[in-house]
C-alpha atoms as a PDB file:
ATOM      1  CA  UNK A   1     220.693  40.147  17.234  1.00  0.00           C
ATOM      2  CA  UNK A   2     223.614  42.530  17.563  1.00  0.00           C
ATOM      3  CA  UNK A   3     224.332  45.284  15.044  1.00  0.00           C
ATOM      4  CA  UNK A   4     227.401  46.708  13.367  1.00  0.00           C
ATOM      5  CA  UNK A   5     227.597  50.452  12.888  1.00  0.00           C
ATOM      6  CA  UNK A   6     229.235  50.252   9.463  1.00  0.00           C
ATOM      7  CA  UNK A   7     230.209  47.649   6.887  1.00  0.00           C
ATOM      8  CA  UNK A   8     232.355  47.760   3.770  1.00  0.00           C
ATOM      9  CA  UNK A   9     231.589  45.128   1.151  1.00  0.00           C
ATOM     10  CA  UNK A  10     234.203  44.757  -1.588  1.00  0.00           C
ATOM     11  CA  UNK A  11     233.664  42.604  -4.664  1.00  0.00           C
ATOM     12  CA  UNK A  12     236.725  40.377  -4.676  1.00  0.00           C
ATOM     13  CA  UNK A  13     235.726  38.059  -7.532  1.00  0.00           C
ATOM     14  CA  UNK A  14     233.253  38.535 -10.386  1.00  0.00           C
ATOM     15  CA  UNK A  15     233.317  38.313 -14.178  1.00  0.00           C
ATOM     16  CA  UNK A  16     233.668  42.062 -14.677  1.00  0.00           C
ATOM     17  CA  UNK A  17     236.616  43.755 -12.987  1.00  0.00           C
ATOM     18  CA  UNK A  18     238.287  47.122 -12.560  1.00  0.00           C
ATOM     19  CA  UNK A  19     241.578  47.644 -14.440  1.00  0.00           C
ATOM     20  CA  UNK A  20     244.360  45.616 -12.818  1.00  0.00           C
ATOM     21  CA  UNK A  21     241.958  43.204 -11.133  1.00  0.00           C
ATOM     22  CA  UNK A  22     241.331  39.751 -12.543  1.00  0.00           C
ATOM     23  CA  UNK A  23     237.844  38.947 -13.740  1.00  0.00           C
ATOM     24  CA  UNK A  24     236.649  35.385 -13.248  1.00  0.00           C
ATOM     25  CA  UNK A  25     233.354  33.537 -13.464  1.00  0.00           C
ATOM     26  CA  UNK A  26     232.318  33.126  -9.845  1.00  0.00           C
ATOM     27  CA  UNK A  27     231.800  35.213  -6.755  1.00  0.00           C
ATOM     28  CA  UNK A  28     233.661  36.328  -3.663  1.00  0.00           C
ATOM     29  CA  UNK A  29     232.847  39.239  -1.374  1.00  0.00           C
ATOM     30  CA  UNK A  30     235.075  40.676   1.348  1.00  0.00           C
ATOM     31  CA  UNK A  31     233.278  42.231   4.301  1.00  0.00           C
ATOM     32  CA  UNK A  32     234.936  44.478   6.886  1.00  0.00           C
ATOM     33  CA  UNK A  33     233.031  45.878   9.855  1.00  0.00           C
ATOM     34  CA  UNK A  34     233.983  47.540  13.116  1.00  0.00           C
ATOM     35  CA  UNK A  35     233.796  44.078  14.754  1.00  0.00           C
ATOM     36  CA  UNK A  36     235.014  41.463  12.262  1.00  0.00           C
ATOM     37  CA  UNK A  37     236.320  40.646   8.766  1.00  0.00           C
ATOM     38  CA  UNK A  38     235.057  37.829   6.567  1.00  0.00           C
ATOM     39  CA  UNK A  39     234.807  36.350   3.092  1.00  0.00           C
ATOM     40  CA  UNK A  40     231.509  35.321   1.574  1.00  0.00           C
ATOM     41  CA  UNK A  41     232.400  32.713  -1.072  1.00  0.00           C
ATOM     42  CA  UNK A  42     235.860  32.386  -2.616  1.00  0.00           C
ATOM     43  CA  UNK A  43     235.442  32.377  -6.400  1.00  0.00           C
ATOM     44  CA  UNK A  44     236.816  29.487  -8.435  1.00  0.00           C
ATOM     45  CA  UNK A  45     240.590  29.931  -8.112  1.00  0.00           C
ATOM     46  CA  UNK A  46     243.030  30.726  -5.331  1.00  0.00           C
ATOM     47  CA  UNK A  47     245.171  32.718  -7.769  1.00  0.00           C
ATOM     48  CA  UNK A  48     242.410  35.234  -8.509  1.00  0.00           C
ATOM     49  CA  UNK A  49     241.435  35.605  -4.854  1.00  0.00           C
ATOM     50  CA  UNK A  50     245.057  36.144  -3.805  1.00  0.00           C
ATOM     51  CA  UNK A  51     245.798  38.593  -6.636  1.00  0.00           C
ATOM     52  CA  UNK A  52     242.698  40.721  -6.140  1.00  0.00           C
ATOM     53  CA  UNK A  53     243.011  40.713  -2.355  1.00  0.00           C
ATOM     54  CA  UNK A  54     246.627  41.861  -2.590  1.00  0.00           C
ATOM     55  CA  UNK A  55     245.744  44.625  -5.040  1.00  0.00           C
ATOM     56  CA  UNK A  56     242.974  45.842  -2.722  1.00  0.00           C
ATOM     57  CA  UNK A  57     245.264  45.794   0.311  1.00  0.00           C
ATOM     58  CA  UNK A  58     243.254  43.023   1.958  1.00  0.00           C
ATOM     59  CA  UNK A  59     245.143  40.731   4.328  1.00  0.00           C
ATOM     60  CA  UNK A  60     243.488  37.325   4.249  1.00  0.00           C
ATOM     61  CA  UNK A  61     245.441  36.433   7.386  1.00  0.00           C
ATOM     62  CA  UNK A  62     243.216  38.860   9.308  1.00  0.00           C
ATOM     63  CA  UNK A  63     239.933  37.142   8.440  1.00  0.00           C
ATOM     64  CA  UNK A  64     237.726  36.030  11.319  1.00  0.00           C
ATOM     65  CA  UNK A  65     235.621  33.536   9.353  1.00  0.00           C
ATOM     66  CA  UNK A  66     234.469  32.435   5.886  1.00  0.00           C
ATOM     67  CA  UNK A  67     230.943  31.664   4.681  1.00  0.00           C
ATOM     68  CA  UNK A  68     230.492  29.441   1.629  1.00  0.00           C
ATOM     69  CA  UNK A  69     226.998  29.801   0.211  1.00  0.00           C
ATOM     70  CA  UNK A  70     226.931  26.443  -1.580  1.00  0.00           C
ATOM     71  CA  UNK A  71     229.213  23.786  -2.994  1.00  0.00           C
ATOM     72  CA  UNK A  72     229.646  24.833  -6.639  1.00  0.00           C
ATOM     73  CA  UNK A  73     233.243  25.215  -7.810  1.00  0.00           C
ATOM     74  CA  UNK A  74     232.924  28.881  -8.768  1.00  0.00           C
ATOM     75  CA  UNK A  75     232.088  29.751  -5.160  1.00  0.00           C
ATOM     76  CA  UNK A  76     234.470  27.478  -3.231  1.00  0.00           C
ATOM     77  CA  UNK A  77     237.495  26.966  -5.500  1.00  0.00           C
ATOM     78  CA  UNK A  78     239.541  29.811  -4.025  1.00  0.00           C
ATOM     79  CA  UNK A  79     239.503  28.525  -0.443  1.00  0.00           C
ATOM     80  CA  UNK A  80     243.179  27.547  -0.765  1.00  0.00           C
ATOM     81  CA  UNK A  81     244.095  31.249  -0.894  1.00  0.00           C
ATOM     82  CA  UNK A  82     242.668  31.628   2.594  1.00  0.00           C
ATOM     83  CA  UNK A  83     244.335  28.460   3.869  1.00  0.00           C
ATOM     84  CA  UNK A  84     247.688  29.720   2.617  1.00  0.00           C
ATOM     85  CA  UNK A  85     247.429  32.678   4.990  1.00  0.00           C
ATOM     86  CA  UNK A  86     245.667  31.337   8.090  1.00  0.00           C
ATOM     87  CA  UNK A  87     244.841  27.973   9.687  1.00  0.00           C
ATOM     88  CA  UNK A  88     241.979  26.843  11.897  1.00  0.00           C
ATOM     89  CA  UNK A  89     239.558  29.452  10.585  1.00  0.00           C
ATOM     90  CA  UNK A  90     235.852  28.523  10.783  1.00  0.00           C
ATOM     91  CA  UNK A  91     234.241  28.008   7.368  1.00  0.00           C
ATOM     92  CA  UNK A  92     230.447  27.947   7.516  1.00  0.00           C
ATOM     93  CA  UNK A  93     228.809  25.690   4.921  1.00  0.00           C
ATOM     94  CA  UNK A  94     225.236  24.426   4.466  1.00  0.00           C
ATOM     95  CA  UNK A  95     224.631  21.193   6.362  1.00  0.00           C
ATOM     96  CA  UNK A  96     223.674  19.445   3.125  1.00  0.00           C
ATOM     97  CA  UNK A  97     226.931  20.021   1.223  1.00  0.00           C
ATOM     98  CA  UNK A  98     228.805  17.176  -0.401  1.00  0.00           C
ATOM     99  CA  UNK A  99     231.247  15.490   1.986  1.00  0.00           C
ATOM    100  CA  UNK A 100     234.081  16.162  -0.481  1.00  0.00           C
ATOM    101  CA  UNK A 101     233.882  19.903   0.167  1.00  0.00           C
ATOM    102  CA  UNK A 102     234.071  19.330   3.910  1.00  0.00           C
ATOM    103  CA  UNK A 103     237.125  17.080   3.393  1.00  0.00           C
ATOM    104  CA  UNK A 104     238.794  19.703   1.176  1.00  0.00           C
ATOM    105  CA  UNK A 105     238.336  22.358   3.836  1.00  0.00           C
ATOM    106  CA  UNK A 106     239.709  20.088   6.555  1.00  0.00           C
ATOM    107  CA  UNK A 107     242.730  19.041   4.485  1.00  0.00           C
ATOM    108  CA  UNK A 108     243.497  22.718   3.865  1.00  0.00           C
ATOM    109  CA  UNK A 109     243.804  23.226   7.626  1.00  0.00           C
ATOM    110  CA  UNK A 110     240.526  25.081   8.069  1.00  0.00           C
ATOM    111  CA  UNK A 111     237.498  24.168  10.186  1.00  0.00           C
ATOM    112  CA  UNK A 112     234.260  23.344   8.316  1.00  0.00           C
ATOM    113  CA  UNK A 113     231.107  24.146  10.288  1.00  0.00           C
ATOM    114  CA  UNK A 114     227.918  22.633   8.879  1.00  0.00           C
ATOM    115  CA  UNK A 115     224.952  24.942   9.400  1.00  0.00           C
ATOM    116  CA  UNK A 116     221.408  23.575   9.257  1.00  0.00           C
ATOM    117  CA  UNK A 117     219.370  26.333  10.891  1.00  0.00           C
ATOM    118  CA  UNK A 118     220.113  30.038  11.046  1.00  0.00           C
ATOM    119  CA  UNK A 119     222.755  31.191  13.509  1.00  0.00           C
ATOM    120  CA  UNK A 120     224.644  34.335  14.443  1.00  0.00           C
ATOM    121  CA  UNK A 121     228.304  33.622  13.646  1.00  0.00           C
ATOM    122  CA  UNK A 122     229.706  36.988  14.804  1.00  0.00           C
ATOM    123  CA  UNK A 123     228.215  40.180  16.221  1.00  0.00           C
ATOM    124  CA  UNK A 124     225.869  41.446  13.541  1.00  0.00           C
ATOM    125  CA  UNK A 125     226.588  38.535  11.150  1.00  0.00           C
ATOM    126  CA  UNK A 126     223.946  35.856  10.609  1.00  0.00           C
ATOM    127  CA  UNK A 127     224.056  32.754   8.398  1.00  0.00           C
ATOM    128  CA  UNK A 128     220.542  31.797   7.350  1.00  0.00           C
ATOM    129  CA  UNK A 129     218.800  28.426   7.449  1.00  0.00           C
ATOM    130  CA  UNK A 130     219.828  26.286   4.481  1.00  0.00           C
ATOM    131  CA  UNK A 131     217.388  25.923   1.576  1.00  0.00           C
ATOM    132  CA  UNK A 132     217.364  23.436  -1.268  1.00  0.00           C
ATOM    133  CA  UNK A 133     217.792  24.590  -4.863  1.00  0.00           C
ATOM    134  CA  UNK A 134     219.434  22.208  -5.681  1.00  0.00           C
ATOM    135  CA  UNK A 135     222.017  22.334  -4.209  1.00  0.00           C
ATOM    136  CA  UNK A 136     221.645  23.290  -0.563  1.00  0.00           C
ATOM    137  CA  UNK A 137     222.401  26.958  -0.125  1.00  0.00           C
ATOM    138  CA  UNK A 138     222.396  29.582   2.594  1.00  0.00           C
ATOM    139  CA  UNK A 139     222.955  33.320   2.646  1.00  0.00           C
ATOM    140  CA  UNK A 140     224.581  35.781   5.021  1.00  0.00           C
ATOM    141  CA  UNK A 141     222.945  38.786   6.634  1.00  0.00           C
ATOM    142  CA  UNK A 142     224.888  41.807   7.873  1.00  0.00           C
ATOM    143  CA  UNK A 143     222.848  43.685  10.449  1.00  0.00           C
ATOM    144  CA  UNK A 144     224.060  47.199   9.718  1.00  0.00           C
ATOM    145  CA  UNK A 145     222.311  49.690  11.973  1.00  0.00           C
ATOM    146  CA  UNK A 146     219.104  50.760  10.276  1.00  0.00           C
ATOM    147  CA  UNK A 147     219.843  48.982   6.972  1.00  0.00           C
ATOM    148  CA  UNK A 148     220.234  45.165   7.054  1.00  0.00           C
ATOM    149  CA  UNK A 149     221.930  43.710   3.966  1.00  0.00           C
ATOM    150  CA  UNK A 150     221.705  40.157   2.612  1.00  0.00           C
ATOM    151  CA  UNK A 151     224.525  38.521   0.644  1.00  0.00           C
ATOM    152  CA  UNK A 152     223.530  35.867  -1.891  1.00  0.00           C
ATOM    153  CA  UNK A 153     225.795  33.387  -3.658  1.00  0.00           C
ATOM    154  CA  UNK A 154     223.710  32.052  -6.552  1.00  0.00           C
ATOM    155  CA  UNK A 155     220.134  32.004  -5.223  1.00  0.00           C
ATOM    156  CA  UNK A 156     219.439  28.512  -6.545  1.00  0.00           C
ATOM    157  CA  UNK A 157     216.330  28.223  -4.332  1.00  0.00           C
ATOM    158  CA  UNK A 158     215.154  31.577  -5.780  1.00  0.00           C
ATOM    159  CA  UNK A 159     216.151  35.062  -4.609  1.00  0.00           C
ATOM    160  CA  UNK A 160     212.739  35.931  -3.195  1.00  0.00           C
ATOM    161  CA  UNK A 161     212.605  32.657  -1.248  1.00  0.00           C
ATOM    162  CA  UNK A 162     216.022  33.368   0.238  1.00  0.00           C
ATOM    163  CA  UNK A 163     215.025  36.897   1.240  1.00  0.00           C
ATOM    164  CA  UNK A 164     211.824  35.528   2.771  1.00  0.00           C
ATOM    165  CA  UNK A 165     213.766  32.893   4.737  1.00  0.00           C
ATOM    166  CA  UNK A 166     216.210  35.461   6.096  1.00  0.00           C
ATOM    167  CA  UNK A 167     213.294  37.685   7.083  1.00  0.00           C
ATOM    168  CA  UNK A 168     211.600  34.755   8.829  1.00  0.00           C
ATOM    169  CA  UNK A 169     214.808  33.733  10.597  1.00  0.00           C
ATOM    170  CA  UNK A 170     215.410  37.177  12.052  1.00  0.00           C
ATOM    171  CA  UNK A 171     212.238  39.220  11.827  1.00  0.00           C
ATOM    172  CA  UNK A 172     214.179  42.008  10.095  1.00  0.00           C
ATOM    173  CA  UNK A 173     213.305  43.865   6.904  1.00  0.00           C
ATOM    174  CA  UNK A 174     216.190  43.525   4.474  1.00  0.00           C
ATOM    175  CA  UNK A 175     216.862  46.762   2.630  1.00  0.00           C
ATOM    176  CA  UNK A 176     219.907  45.829   0.529  1.00  0.00           C
ATOM    177  CA  UNK A 177     220.483  42.727  -1.590  1.00  0.00           C
ATOM    178  CA  UNK A 178     223.968  41.947  -2.923  1.00  0.00           C
ATOM    179  CA  UNK A 179     225.135  38.990  -4.990  1.00  0.00           C
ATOM    180  CA  UNK A 180     224.045  36.347  -7.477  1.00  0.00           C
ATOM    181  CA  UNK A 181     220.338  36.095  -8.337  1.00  0.00           C
ATOM    182  CA  UNK A 182     220.484  33.229 -10.880  1.00  0.00           C
ATOM    183  CA  UNK A 183     218.296  35.150 -13.321  1.00  0.00           C
ATOM    184  CA  UNK A 184     220.696  35.517 -16.260  1.00  0.00           C
ATOM    185  CA  UNK A 185     218.921  32.761 -18.210  1.00  0.00           C
ATOM    186  CA  UNK A 186     215.372  33.585 -17.102  1.00  0.00           C
ATOM    187  CA  UNK A 187     212.626  35.173 -19.232  1.00  0.00           C
ATOM    188  CA  UNK A 188     211.552  38.708 -18.362  1.00  0.00           C
ATOM    189  CA  UNK A 189     208.302  37.451 -16.834  1.00  0.00           C
ATOM    190  CA  UNK A 190     210.217  35.391 -14.261  1.00  0.00           C
ATOM    191  CA  UNK A 191     212.565  38.269 -13.524  1.00  0.00           C
ATOM    192  CA  UNK A 192     209.610  40.604 -13.050  1.00  0.00           C
ATOM    193  CA  UNK A 193     207.970  38.160 -10.629  1.00  0.00           C
ATOM    194  CA  UNK A 194     211.155  37.865  -8.567  1.00  0.00           C
ATOM    195  CA  UNK A 195     211.737  41.615  -8.502  1.00  0.00           C
ATOM    196  CA  UNK A 196     208.170  42.310  -7.424  1.00  0.00           C
ATOM    197  CA  UNK A 197     208.498  39.681  -4.693  1.00  0.00           C
ATOM    198  CA  UNK A 198     211.732  41.045  -3.216  1.00  0.00           C
ATOM    199  CA  UNK A 199     210.331  44.577  -3.342  1.00  0.00           C
ATOM    200  CA  UNK A 200     207.235  43.437  -1.450  1.00  0.00           C
ATOM    201  CA  UNK A 201     209.568  42.000   1.210  1.00  0.00           C
ATOM    202  CA  UNK A 202     211.173  45.422   1.709  1.00  0.00           C
ATOM    203  CA  UNK A 203     214.254  45.375  -0.543  1.00  0.00           C
ATOM    204  CA  UNK A 204     214.952  48.914  -1.759  1.00  0.00           C
ATOM    205  CA  UNK A 205     218.535  48.596  -3.054  1.00  0.00           C
ATOM    206  CA  UNK A 206     219.987  45.921  -5.334  1.00  0.00           C
ATOM    207  CA  UNK A 207     223.590  45.181  -6.358  1.00  0.00           C
ATOM    208  CA  UNK A 208     223.290  42.202  -8.743  1.00  0.00           C
ATOM    209  CA  UNK A 209     226.467  40.212  -9.425  1.00  0.00           C
ATOM    210  CA  UNK A 210     227.693  36.974 -10.998  1.00  0.00           C
ATOM    211  CA  UNK A 211     224.739  34.991 -12.419  1.00  0.00           C
ATOM    212  CA  UNK A 212     222.156  37.775 -12.152  1.00  0.00           C
ATOM    213  CA  UNK A 213     222.203  38.976 -15.765  1.00  0.00           C
ATOM    214  CA  UNK A 214     221.746  42.524 -17.035  1.00  0.00           C
ATOM    215  CA  UNK A 215     217.977  42.496 -17.583  1.00  0.00           C
ATOM    216  CA  UNK A 216     217.257  42.324 -13.849  1.00  0.00           C
ATOM    217  CA  UNK A 217     218.832  45.763 -13.454  1.00  0.00           C
ATOM    218  CA  UNK A 218     216.390  47.323 -15.924  1.00  0.00           C
ATOM    219  CA  UNK A 219     213.395  45.506 -14.438  1.00  0.00           C
ATOM    220  CA  UNK A 220     214.345  46.488 -10.892  1.00  0.00           C
ATOM    221  CA  UNK A 221     214.778  50.147 -11.854  1.00  0.00           C
ATOM    222  CA  UNK A 222     211.337  50.169 -13.445  1.00  0.00           C
ATOM    223  CA  UNK A 223     209.970  48.726 -10.204  1.00  0.00           C
ATOM    224  CA  UNK A 224     211.456  51.614  -8.218  1.00  0.00           C
ATOM    225  CA  UNK A 225     214.378  49.737  -6.672  1.00  0.00           C
ATOM    226  CA  UNK A 226     217.728  51.526  -6.501  1.00  0.00           C
ATOM    227  CA  UNK A 227     220.199  49.523  -8.597  1.00  0.00           C
ATOM    228  CA  UNK A 228     223.984  49.673  -8.735  1.00  0.00           C
ATOM    229  CA  UNK A 229     226.465  47.754 -10.864  1.00  0.00           C
ATOM    230  CA  UNK A 230     229.688  46.766  -9.101  1.00  0.00           C
ATOM    231  CA  UNK A 231     232.899  45.326 -10.538  1.00  0.00           C
ATOM    232  CA  UNK A 232     235.563  43.186  -8.934  1.00  0.00           C
ATOM    233  CA  UNK A 233     237.743  45.555  -6.953  1.00  0.00           C
ATOM    234  CA  UNK A 234     234.934  47.974  -6.086  1.00  0.00           C
ATOM    235  CA  UNK A 235     233.851  48.614  -2.502  1.00  0.00           C
ATOM    236  CA  UNK A 236     230.456  49.646  -1.150  1.00  0.00           C
ATOM    237  CA  UNK A 237     229.765  51.201   2.236  1.00  0.00           C
ATOM    238  CA  UNK A 238     226.586  50.004   3.930  1.00  0.00           C
END
């Protein structure tokens, strides 16, 4: 698999936001590398995506592709903001998504691409094999030189299972985990089990967003994982 030398990941949509940015329940991440630009999920509304992108100086018309992790409204609802700026763009979705999402993407003038098994969608960008939560969900790996990062939407199948699948798909050790972990409503014992599992798989840095909850940050720090909180509007260099 190819590598990228550098990647910037900006939180475009999340509940917590920097001043001037709109906070919204959901998730969207903008990724810019030396080889391509993409969105991972699109939040729940086109208005929030468009507003926050404009404030950050992001031109959605320059995107090369979109990855939607799963079919829930708070991850796909903002796709119209992309369609308003560019047509014919590939949108990678799990093969098991509801047909209505595929129809929505097509009617917006974009190109849905169902993905069953893992595939490299751009140099250094890999969409993993779909897993069942429910619903069907996949993640996106950015192969940054020396420090692969995995982007998660909601981790309905379980964050450690999704890290393990990405590792199996590519044979790479994932060092950074960014996104929703679906642990906000879990007891500490479950959170501890998940944190210990991802650490055993090689994860050393965690940026929990969306449905992750606050407790996972404390548990991960105690486990020796570097943890960072990020708000909508903030950018991270990988």
